[in-house]
């Protein structure tokens, strides 16, 4: 199993993927780092059967 997310390892996305891997796959999945979420979504069909971790950000900012 592979889990695709934003890299590098210092990102919050990668940390979320590590938690997901630990909780759901007992650290047996491989986390694959990508340079951007756009890069993941562009090639999404290539990752059939894999997992994708994209953290949700909620913001109530006014501009």
Protein backbone atom coordinates (compact mmCIF):
# COMPACT_ATOMS: atom_id res chain seq x y z
CA UNK A 1 0.00 0.00 0.00
CA UNK A 2 1.17 3.51 -0.80
CA UNK A 3 -0.03 6.76 0.76
CA UNK A 4 0.50 9.84 -1.42
CA UNK A 5 0.87 13.29 0.17
CA UNK A 6 2.79 16.54 0.07
CA UNK A 7 6.49 16.32 0.92
CA UNK A 8 9.05 16.85 2.29
CA UNK A 9 8.92 15.01 5.60
CA UNK A 10 8.78 18.32 7.54
CA UNK A 11 5.30 19.22 6.20
CA UNK A 12 2.12 18.86 8.23
CA UNK A 13 0.74 16.77 5.38
CA UNK A 14 3.51 14.23 5.75
CA UNK A 15 2.95 14.13 9.52
CA UNK A 16 -0.76 13.50 8.92
CA UNK A 17 0.13 10.68 6.52
CA UNK A 18 2.37 9.14 9.19
CA UNK A 19 -0.47 9.18 11.73
CA UNK A 20 -2.87 7.73 9.15
CA UNK A 21 -0.33 5.02 8.28
CA UNK A 22 0.15 4.13 11.94
CA UNK A 23 -3.56 4.04 12.78
CA UNK A 24 -4.82 2.29 9.66
CA UNK A 25 -1.91 0.28 8.27
CA UNK A 26 0.23 -0.40 11.38
CA UNK A 27 3.09 1.51 9.69
CA UNK A 28 3.17 -0.99 6.83
CA UNK A 29 2.28 1.45 4.03
CA UNK A 30 4.88 3.45 2.12
CA UNK A 31 4.44 7.23 2.22
CA UNK A 32 5.19 8.80 -1.16
CA UNK A 33 6.15 12.50 -1.13
CA UNK A 34 5.05 14.81 -3.95
CA UNK A 35 6.14 18.39 -4.71
CA UNK A 36 2.55 19.69 -4.71
CA UNK A 37 -1.04 18.53 -4.34
CA UNK A 38 -1.58 19.62 -7.94
CA UNK A 39 1.08 17.10 -9.02
CA UNK A 40 -0.78 14.34 -7.17
CA UNK A 41 -4.15 15.28 -8.65
CA UNK A 42 -2.73 15.60 -12.16
CA UNK A 43 -1.54 11.99 -12.05
CA UNK A 44 -4.34 10.64 -9.87
CA UNK A 45 -5.27 7.83 -12.26
CA UNK A 46 -1.75 6.40 -11.87
CA UNK A 47 -2.39 5.78 -8.16
CA UNK A 48 -5.38 3.46 -8.49
CA UNK A 49 -5.76 1.43 -5.30
CA UNK A 50 -3.46 3.71 -3.29
CA UNK A 51 -4.41 6.15 -0.54
CA UNK A 52 -4.23 9.95 -0.64
CA UNK A 53 -3.86 12.24 2.38
CA UNK A 54 -4.82 15.88 1.89
CA UNK A 55 -5.36 17.73 5.19
CA UNK A 56 -8.43 19.90 5.45
CA UNK A 57 -7.97 23.55 6.34
CA UNK A 58 -10.89 25.51 7.65
CA UNK A 59 -10.57 29.26 7.78
CA UNK A 60 -12.96 32.03 8.73
CA UNK A 61 -10.74 34.86 7.64
CA UNK A 62 -12.19 38.06 6.30
CA UNK A 63 -10.28 40.09 3.74
